[in-house]
Amino acid sequence: QYTLGDSHFILVALPQNSKVHHINAWLLSLLDMGLVPIISEVETYGQLFTKPEQLLAWVDRGILIQCNMASFDHGNANYDRAIELYRNGLIHFFGTGYSDGCDVEAYQGYVEAISELDNTYKKDLLPNIHLNERDLLANRTFYPSVPSSWVGKKGNFLTRLFGFAL
């Protein structure tokens, strides 16, 4: 009853103050139950970007990532992390961030911004997301490619050790 449509996909939000190892155990238990977690708005969880290899490991296990389109607005506090997810090919779905209907102009602006990123970085994010949506609606399992290593910034040693900026 909590899955998306009649599929085995489940949209999950991560608790902001949880330890990564607790989140990992929970996500793996969902996989063990035959559910495929789609983590919503990963870019809002700064602690995950101190050890981005965890994101790669999750996607390698079949866990998927949803990013909010509004995070691609240059003024958004999560912009840099959204770009990092984009550059690493770790966005499998988009959320709009609209709970009471869609602002068509804003949505179109985000689509145009992401299309520009596709041209700049020579990626095909939007077409891939449309294919992922099709597979989700058909309840088909799919395994996106996972980069062999994280491209971009990583936290410094102390940040990576303690999991937060000092």
C-alpha atoms as a PDB file:
ATOM      1  CA  GLN A   1       0.000   0.000   0.000  1.00  0.00           C
ATOM      2  CA  TYR A   2       3.000   2.327   0.313  1.00  0.00           C
ATOM      3  CA  THR A   3       4.549   1.513  -3.037  1.00  0.00           C
ATOM      4  CA  LEU A   4       4.309   3.687  -6.136  1.00  0.00           C
ATOM      5  CA  GLY A   5       1.315   2.472  -8.103  1.00  0.00           C
ATOM      6  CA  ASP A   6       1.245  -1.296  -8.244  1.00  0.00           C
ATOM      7  CA  SER A   7       5.026  -1.533  -8.377  1.00  0.00           C
ATOM      8  CA  HIS A   8       7.776  -2.689  -6.045  1.00  0.00           C
ATOM      9  CA  PHE A   9       9.256   0.837  -5.897  1.00  0.00           C
ATOM     10  CA  ILE A  10       8.892   2.879  -2.710  1.00  0.00           C
ATOM     11  CA  LEU A  11       9.698   6.573  -2.306  1.00  0.00           C
ATOM     12  CA  VAL A  12      11.512   7.183   0.982  1.00  0.00           C
ATOM     13  CA  ALA A  13      12.705  10.265   2.831  1.00  0.00           C
ATOM     14  CA  LEU A  14      15.739   9.987   5.055  1.00  0.00           C
ATOM     15  CA  PRO A  15      15.688  11.319   8.618  1.00  0.00           C
ATOM     16  CA  GLN A  16      17.976  14.370   8.739  1.00  0.00           C
ATOM     17  CA  ASN A  17      19.773  13.437  11.950  1.00  0.00           C
ATOM     18  CA  SER A  18      20.276   9.708  11.432  1.00  0.00           C
ATOM     19  CA  LYS A  19      23.679   8.114  11.182  1.00  0.00           C
ATOM     20  CA  VAL A  20      24.582   6.840   7.736  1.00  0.00           C
ATOM     21  CA  HIS A  21      25.067   3.271   9.006  1.00  0.00           C
ATOM     22  CA  HIS A  22      21.496   3.276  10.390  1.00  0.00           C
ATOM     23  CA  ILE A  23      20.163   4.607   7.088  1.00  0.00           C
ATOM     24  CA  ASN A  24      22.170   1.950   5.256  1.00  0.00           C
ATOM     25  CA  ALA A  25      20.718  -0.862   7.389  1.00  0.00           C
ATOM     26  CA  TRP A  26      17.176   0.424   6.836  1.00  0.00           C
ATOM     27  CA  LEU A  27      17.603   0.747   3.057  1.00  0.00           C
ATOM     28  CA  LEU A  28      19.098  -2.735   2.810  1.00  0.00           C
ATOM     29  CA  SER A  29      16.204  -4.163   4.844  1.00  0.00           C
ATOM     30  CA  LEU A  30      13.778  -2.630   2.327  1.00  0.00           C
ATOM     31  CA  LEU A  31      15.720  -4.318  -0.484  1.00  0.00           C
ATOM     32  CA  ASP A  32      15.559  -7.616   1.430  1.00  0.00           C
ATOM     33  CA  MET A  33      11.748  -7.252   1.524  1.00  0.00           C
ATOM     34  CA  GLY A  34      11.687  -7.003  -2.272  1.00  0.00           C
ATOM     35  CA  LEU A  35      11.149  -3.248  -2.327  1.00  0.00           C
ATOM     36  CA  VAL A  36      13.301  -0.856  -4.345  1.00  0.00           C
ATOM     37  CA  PRO A  37      13.843   2.356  -2.372  1.00  0.00           C
ATOM     38  CA  ILE A  38      13.894   5.641  -4.252  1.00  0.00           C
ATOM     39  CA  ILE A  39      15.529   8.152  -1.919  1.00  0.00           C
ATOM     40  CA  SER A  40      13.798  11.503  -2.294  1.00  0.00           C
ATOM     41  CA  GLU A  41      15.696  14.778  -2.403  1.00  0.00           C
ATOM     42  CA  VAL A  42      19.117  13.289  -1.641  1.00  0.00           C
ATOM     43  CA  GLU A  43      20.695  16.674  -2.318  1.00  0.00           C
ATOM     44  CA  THR A  44      19.190  18.016   0.928  1.00  0.00           C
ATOM     45  CA  TYR A  45      21.193  15.547   3.045  1.00  0.00           C
ATOM     46  CA  GLY A  46      24.567  17.264   3.318  1.00  0.00           C
ATOM     47  CA  GLN A  47      25.955  14.514   5.567  1.00  0.00           C
ATOM     48  CA  LEU A  48      25.767  12.036   2.667  1.00  0.00           C
ATOM     49  CA  PHE A  49      28.116  14.192   0.612  1.00  0.00           C
ATOM     50  CA  THR A  50      30.918  13.937   3.168  1.00  0.00           C
ATOM     51  CA  LYS A  51      31.254  10.286   2.113  1.00  0.00           C
ATOM     52  CA  PRO A  52      29.753  10.198  -1.382  1.00  0.00           C
ATOM     53  CA  GLU A  53      31.034   6.676  -1.985  1.00  0.00           C
ATOM     54  CA  GLN A  54      28.029   5.554   0.089  1.00  0.00           C
ATOM     55  CA  LEU A  55      25.714   6.939  -2.587  1.00  0.00           C
ATOM     56  CA  LEU A  56      27.611   4.976  -5.235  1.00  0.00           C
ATOM     57  CA  ALA A  57      27.366   1.808  -3.130  1.00  0.00           C
ATOM     58  CA  TRP A  58      23.611   2.241  -2.678  1.00  0.00           C
ATOM     59  CA  VAL A  59      22.988   2.706  -6.381  1.00  0.00           C
ATOM     60  CA  ASP A  60      25.203  -0.290  -7.069  1.00  0.00           C
ATOM     61  CA  ARG A  61      22.868  -2.332  -4.823  1.00  0.00           C
ATOM     62  CA  GLY A  62      19.812  -1.129  -6.792  1.00  0.00           C
ATOM     63  CA  ILE A  63      18.701   1.806  -4.642  1.00  0.00           C
ATOM     64  CA  LEU A  64      17.572   4.751  -6.772  1.00  0.00           C
ATOM     65  CA  ILE A  65      17.772   8.510  -6.302  1.00  0.00           C
ATOM     66  CA  GLN A  66      15.237  11.265  -6.848  1.00  0.00           C
ATOM     67  CA  CYS A  67      16.319  14.910  -7.008  1.00  0.00           C
ATOM     68  CA  ASN A  68      14.108  17.975  -6.713  1.00  0.00           C
ATOM     69  CA  MET A  69      14.062  20.001  -9.935  1.00  0.00           C
ATOM     70  CA  ALA A  70      14.064  23.236  -7.923  1.00  0.00           C
ATOM     71  CA  SER A  71      17.544  22.339  -6.638  1.00  0.00           C
ATOM     72  CA  PHE A  72      18.890  23.259 -10.090  1.00  0.00           C
ATOM     73  CA  ASP A  73      18.009  26.917  -9.487  1.00  0.00           C
ATOM     74  CA  HIS A  74      21.322  28.756  -8.961  1.00  0.00           C
ATOM     75  CA  GLY A  75      19.919  30.411  -5.832  1.00  0.00           C
ATOM     76  CA  ASN A  76      18.940  27.124  -4.211  1.00  0.00           C
ATOM     77  CA  ALA A  77      20.942  26.076  -1.141  1.00  0.00           C
ATOM     78  CA  ASN A  78      21.230  22.548  -2.569  1.00  0.00           C
ATOM     79  CA  TYR A  79      22.406  23.582  -6.048  1.00  0.00           C
ATOM     80  CA  ASP A  80      26.021  22.400  -5.698  1.00  0.00           C
ATOM     81  CA  ARG A  81      24.994  18.981  -4.403  1.00  0.00           C
ATOM     82  CA  ALA A  82      22.385  18.614  -7.164  1.00  0.00           C
ATOM     83  CA  ILE A  83      25.104  19.356  -9.724  1.00  0.00           C
ATOM     84  CA  GLU A  84      27.361  16.747  -8.086  1.00  0.00           C
ATOM     85  CA  LEU A  85      24.593  14.157  -8.338  1.00  0.00           C
ATOM     86  CA  TYR A  86      24.067  15.157 -11.959  1.00  0.00           C
ATOM     87  CA  ARG A  87      27.769  14.966 -12.859  1.00  0.00           C
ATOM     88  CA  ASN A  88      27.972  11.499 -11.318  1.00  0.00           C
ATOM     89  CA  GLY A  89      24.878  10.231 -13.133  1.00  0.00           C
ATOM     90  CA  LEU A  90      23.074   9.574  -9.858  1.00  0.00           C
ATOM     91  CA  ILE A  91      19.697  11.139 -10.610  1.00  0.00           C
ATOM     92  CA  HIS A  92      17.129   8.571 -11.649  1.00  0.00           C
ATOM     93  CA  PHE A  93      13.920  10.546 -11.073  1.00  0.00           C
ATOM     94  CA  PHE A  94      12.869  14.156 -10.587  1.00  0.00           C
ATOM     95  CA  GLY A  95      10.466  15.555  -8.052  1.00  0.00           C
ATOM     96  CA  THR A  96       8.841  18.916  -8.591  1.00  0.00           C
ATOM     97  CA  GLY A  97       8.583  20.037  -4.997  1.00  0.00           C
ATOM     98  CA  TYR A  98       4.991  21.099  -5.657  1.00  0.00           C
ATOM     99  CA  SER A  99       2.513  19.568  -3.276  1.00  0.00           C
ATOM    100  CA  ASP A 100      -0.565  21.488  -4.435  1.00  0.00           C
ATOM    101  CA  GLY A 101      -0.235  21.491  -8.204  1.00  0.00           C
ATOM    102  CA  CYS A 102       2.467  22.386 -10.640  1.00  0.00           C
ATOM    103  CA  ASP A 103       3.691  25.834 -11.623  1.00  0.00           C
ATOM    104  CA  VAL A 104       4.064  25.182 -15.354  1.00  0.00           C
ATOM    105  CA  GLU A 105       6.414  28.124 -15.988  1.00  0.00           C
ATOM    106  CA  ALA A 106       8.775  27.140 -13.179  1.00  0.00           C
ATOM    107  CA  TYR A 107       8.702  23.507 -14.287  1.00  0.00           C
ATOM    108  CA  GLN A 108       9.553  24.494 -17.868  1.00  0.00           C
ATOM    109  CA  GLY A 109      12.401  26.681 -16.563  1.00  0.00           C
ATOM    110  CA  TYR A 110      13.886  23.732 -14.683  1.00  0.00           C
ATOM    111  CA  VAL A 111      13.567  21.476 -17.726  1.00  0.00           C
ATOM    112  CA  GLU A 112      15.415  24.088 -19.801  1.00  0.00           C
ATOM    113  CA  ALA A 113      18.150  24.429 -17.159  1.00  0.00           C
ATOM    114  CA  ILE A 114      18.659  20.670 -17.060  1.00  0.00           C
ATOM    115  CA  SER A 115      18.675  20.520 -20.868  1.00  0.00           C
ATOM    116  CA  GLU A 116      21.486  23.098 -20.808  1.00  0.00           C
ATOM    117  CA  LEU A 117      23.388  20.886 -18.358  1.00  0.00           C
ATOM    118  CA  ASP A 118      22.877  17.933 -20.713  1.00  0.00           C
ATOM    119  CA  ASN A 119      24.465  19.996 -23.496  1.00  0.00           C
ATOM    120  CA  THR A 120      27.303  21.288 -21.290  1.00  0.00           C
ATOM    121  CA  TYR A 121      28.269  17.946 -19.766  1.00  0.00           C
ATOM    122  CA  LYS A 122      27.334  15.810 -22.802  1.00  0.00           C
ATOM    123  CA  LYS A 123      24.903  13.692 -20.807  1.00  0.00           C
ATOM    124  CA  ASP A 124      21.374  12.500 -21.529  1.00  0.00           C
ATOM    125  CA  LEU A 125      19.744  12.927 -18.136  1.00  0.00           C
ATOM    126  CA  LEU A 126      16.256  13.951 -19.271  1.00  0.00           C
ATOM    127  CA  PRO A 127      15.799  11.099 -21.787  1.00  0.00           C
ATOM    128  CA  ASN A 128      17.129   8.607 -19.220  1.00  0.00           C
ATOM    129  CA  ILE A 129      14.698   9.864 -16.587  1.00  0.00           C
ATOM    130  CA  HIS A 130      11.801   9.438 -19.006  1.00  0.00           C
ATOM    131  CA  LEU A 131      12.902   5.826 -19.609  1.00  0.00           C
ATOM    132  CA  ASN A 132      13.159   5.258 -15.845  1.00  0.00           C
ATOM    133  CA  GLU A 133       9.645   6.640 -15.360  1.00  0.00           C
ATOM    134  CA  ARG A 134       8.358   4.292 -18.055  1.00  0.00           C
ATOM    135  CA  ASP A 135      10.046   1.315 -16.377  1.00  0.00           C
ATOM    136  CA  LEU A 136       8.696   2.289 -12.953  1.00  0.00           C
ATOM    137  CA  LEU A 137       5.136   2.530 -14.271  1.00  0.00           C
ATOM    138  CA  ALA A 138       5.542  -0.883 -15.921  1.00  0.00           C
ATOM    139  CA  ASN A 139       6.973  -2.282 -12.639  1.00  0.00           C
ATOM    140  CA  ARG A 140      10.194  -3.272 -14.411  1.00  0.00           C
ATOM    141  CA  THR A 141      13.420  -3.440 -12.462  1.00  0.00           C
ATOM    142  CA  PHE A 142      16.276  -1.493 -13.998  1.00  0.00           C
ATOM    143  CA  TYR A 143      19.877  -1.030 -13.017  1.00  0.00           C
ATOM    144  CA  PRO A 144      21.416   2.322 -13.898  1.00  0.00           C
ATOM    145  CA  SER A 145      25.127   2.512 -14.541  1.00  0.00           C
ATOM    146  CA  VAL A 146      27.255   3.408 -11.539  1.00  0.00           C
ATOM    147  CA  PRO A 147      30.493   5.374 -11.885  1.00  0.00           C
ATOM    148  CA  SER A 148      33.590   3.595 -10.620  1.00  0.00           C
ATOM    149  CA  SER A 149      34.471   6.574  -8.425  1.00  0.00           C
ATOM    150  CA  TRP A 150      32.952   9.867  -7.309  1.00  0.00           C
ATOM    151  CA  VAL A 151      33.557  12.837  -9.604  1.00  0.00           C
ATOM    152  CA  GLY A 152      33.801  16.112  -7.720  1.00  0.00           C
ATOM    153  CA  LYS A 153      34.353  17.423  -4.247  1.00  0.00           C
ATOM    154  CA  LYS A 154      34.679  15.227  -1.206  1.00  0.00           C
ATOM    155  CA  GLY A 155      34.865  16.432   2.355  1.00  0.00           C
ATOM    156  CA  ASN A 156      38.248  16.983   3.975  1.00  0.00           C
ATOM    157  CA  PHE A 157      39.701  14.267   6.198  1.00  0.00           C
ATOM    158  CA  LEU A 158      38.073  15.447   9.448  1.00  0.00           C
ATOM    159  CA  THR A 159      34.713  16.009   7.786  1.00  0.00           C
ATOM    160  CA  ARG A 160      34.853  12.543   6.261  1.00  0.00           C
ATOM    161  CA  LEU A 161      35.929  11.034   9.592  1.00  0.00           C
ATOM    162  CA  PHE A 162      33.256  12.678  11.751  1.00  0.00           C
ATOM    163  CA  GLY A 163      30.531  13.063   9.101  1.00  0.00           C
ATOM    164  CA  PHE A 164      30.021  16.806   9.556  1.00  0.00           C
ATOM    165  CA  ALA A 165      31.913  20.020   8.926  1.00  0.00           C
ATOM    166  CA  LEU A 166      34.059  21.182  11.813  1.00  0.00           C
END
